[in-house]
Amino acid sequence: MLSWISANIGSIIICLVLAAIVVGIVFVLKKDKKKGKSACGGSCCHCPMEGKCHGGQAAEK
């Protein structure tokens, strides 16, 4: 087992770093959602979800 870990330490470190980045992104997105922020650019006229997000505000504009 130890020889496998030492042979693959580079891949293991890269995977751990990528996993930490993904967890950080998910954490920030959840925090922003609780604050009411959105990743939306605000240009709803070209969005396939036009009128279905922002509580219907896009359809009222």
C-alpha atoms as a PDB file:
ATOM      1  CA  MET A   1       0.000   0.000   0.000  1.00  0.00           C
ATOM      2  CA  LEU A   2       2.773   2.433   0.894  1.00  0.00           C
ATOM      3  CA  SER A   3       4.558   1.758  -2.389  1.00  0.00           C
ATOM      4  CA  TRP A   4       1.354   2.519  -4.309  1.00  0.00           C
ATOM      5  CA  ILE A   5       0.949   5.822  -2.453  1.00  0.00           C
ATOM      6  CA  SER A   6       4.570   6.820  -3.078  1.00  0.00           C
ATOM      7  CA  ALA A   7       4.272   5.863  -6.765  1.00  0.00           C
ATOM      8  CA  ASN A   8       1.120   7.989  -7.193  1.00  0.00           C
ATOM      9  CA  ILE A   9       1.757  10.882  -4.821  1.00  0.00           C
ATOM     10  CA  GLY A  10       1.636  13.463  -7.624  1.00  0.00           C
ATOM     11  CA  SER A  11      -1.791  12.321  -8.810  1.00  0.00           C
ATOM     12  CA  ILE A  12      -3.069  12.134  -5.247  1.00  0.00           C
ATOM     13  CA  ILE A  13      -1.975  15.694  -4.488  1.00  0.00           C
ATOM     14  CA  ILE A  14      -3.504  17.034  -7.708  1.00  0.00           C
ATOM     15  CA  CYS A  15      -6.806  15.263  -6.961  1.00  0.00           C
ATOM     16  CA  LEU A  16      -6.874  16.658  -3.426  1.00  0.00           C
ATOM     17  CA  VAL A  17      -6.206  20.190  -4.685  1.00  0.00           C
ATOM     18  CA  LEU A  18      -8.946  19.906  -7.325  1.00  0.00           C
ATOM     19  CA  ALA A  19     -11.387  18.492  -4.763  1.00  0.00           C
ATOM     20  CA  ALA A  20     -10.607  21.408  -2.425  1.00  0.00           C
ATOM     21  CA  ILE A  21     -11.268  23.882  -5.256  1.00  0.00           C
ATOM     22  CA  VAL A  22     -14.614  22.253  -6.074  1.00  0.00           C
ATOM     23  CA  VAL A  23     -15.648  22.246  -2.398  1.00  0.00           C
ATOM     24  CA  GLY A  24     -14.683  25.917  -2.147  1.00  0.00           C
ATOM     25  CA  ILE A  25     -16.728  26.824  -5.217  1.00  0.00           C
ATOM     26  CA  VAL A  26     -19.769  24.952  -3.911  1.00  0.00           C
ATOM     27  CA  PHE A  27     -19.396  26.675  -0.531  1.00  0.00           C
ATOM     28  CA  VAL A  28     -19.245  30.139  -2.121  1.00  0.00           C
ATOM     29  CA  LEU A  29     -22.237  29.411  -4.372  1.00  0.00           C
ATOM     30  CA  LYS A  30     -24.319  28.222  -1.405  1.00  0.00           C
ATOM     31  CA  LYS A  31     -23.304  31.258   0.636  1.00  0.00           C
ATOM     32  CA  ASP A  32     -24.212  33.601  -2.233  1.00  0.00           C
ATOM     33  CA  LYS A  33     -27.563  31.867  -2.715  1.00  0.00           C
ATOM     34  CA  LYS A  34     -28.404  32.385   0.965  1.00  0.00           C
ATOM     35  CA  LYS A  35     -27.592  36.091   0.543  1.00  0.00           C
ATOM     36  CA  GLY A  36     -29.873  36.293  -2.479  1.00  0.00           C
ATOM     37  CA  LYS A  37     -27.090  36.783  -4.996  1.00  0.00           C
ATOM     38  CA  SER A  38     -27.217  35.148  -8.412  1.00  0.00           C
ATOM     39  CA  ALA A  39     -24.673  34.057 -10.984  1.00  0.00           C
ATOM     40  CA  CYS A  40     -27.044  35.368 -13.633  1.00  0.00           C
ATOM     41  CA  GLY A  41     -25.710  38.042 -15.961  1.00  0.00           C
ATOM     42  CA  GLY A  42     -29.064  39.821 -16.023  1.00  0.00           C
ATOM     43  CA  SER A  43     -29.592  39.689 -19.789  1.00  0.00           C
ATOM     44  CA  CYS A  44     -32.798  37.678 -19.701  1.00  0.00           C
ATOM     45  CA  CYS A  45     -33.900  38.359 -23.275  1.00  0.00           C
ATOM     46  CA  HIS A  46     -31.419  35.758 -24.578  1.00  0.00           C
ATOM     47  CA  CYS A  47     -31.851  33.266 -21.738  1.00  0.00           C
ATOM     48  CA  PRO A  48     -33.817  30.037 -22.282  1.00  0.00           C
ATOM     49  CA  MET A  49     -35.182  30.458 -18.737  1.00  0.00           C
ATOM     50  CA  GLU A  50     -36.534  33.946 -19.481  1.00  0.00           C
ATOM     51  CA  GLY A  51     -39.404  34.806 -17.153  1.00  0.00           C
ATOM     52  CA  LYS A  52     -38.829  31.777 -14.924  1.00  0.00           C
ATOM     53  CA  CYS A  53     -36.139  33.145 -12.630  1.00  0.00           C
ATOM     54  CA  HIS A  54     -35.823  36.270 -10.474  1.00  0.00           C
ATOM     55  CA  GLY A  55     -39.330  35.710  -9.113  1.00  0.00           C
ATOM     56  CA  GLY A  56     -40.890  36.687 -12.428  1.00  0.00           C
ATOM     57  CA  GLN A  57     -39.194  40.086 -12.474  1.00  0.00           C
ATOM     58  CA  ALA A  58     -37.791  39.505 -15.958  1.00  0.00           C
ATOM     59  CA  ALA A  59     -41.272  39.083 -17.424  1.00  0.00           C
ATOM     60  CA  GLU A  60     -42.423  42.341 -15.785  1.00  0.00           C
ATOM     61  CA  LYS A  61     -39.659  44.481 -17.366  1.00  0.00           C
END
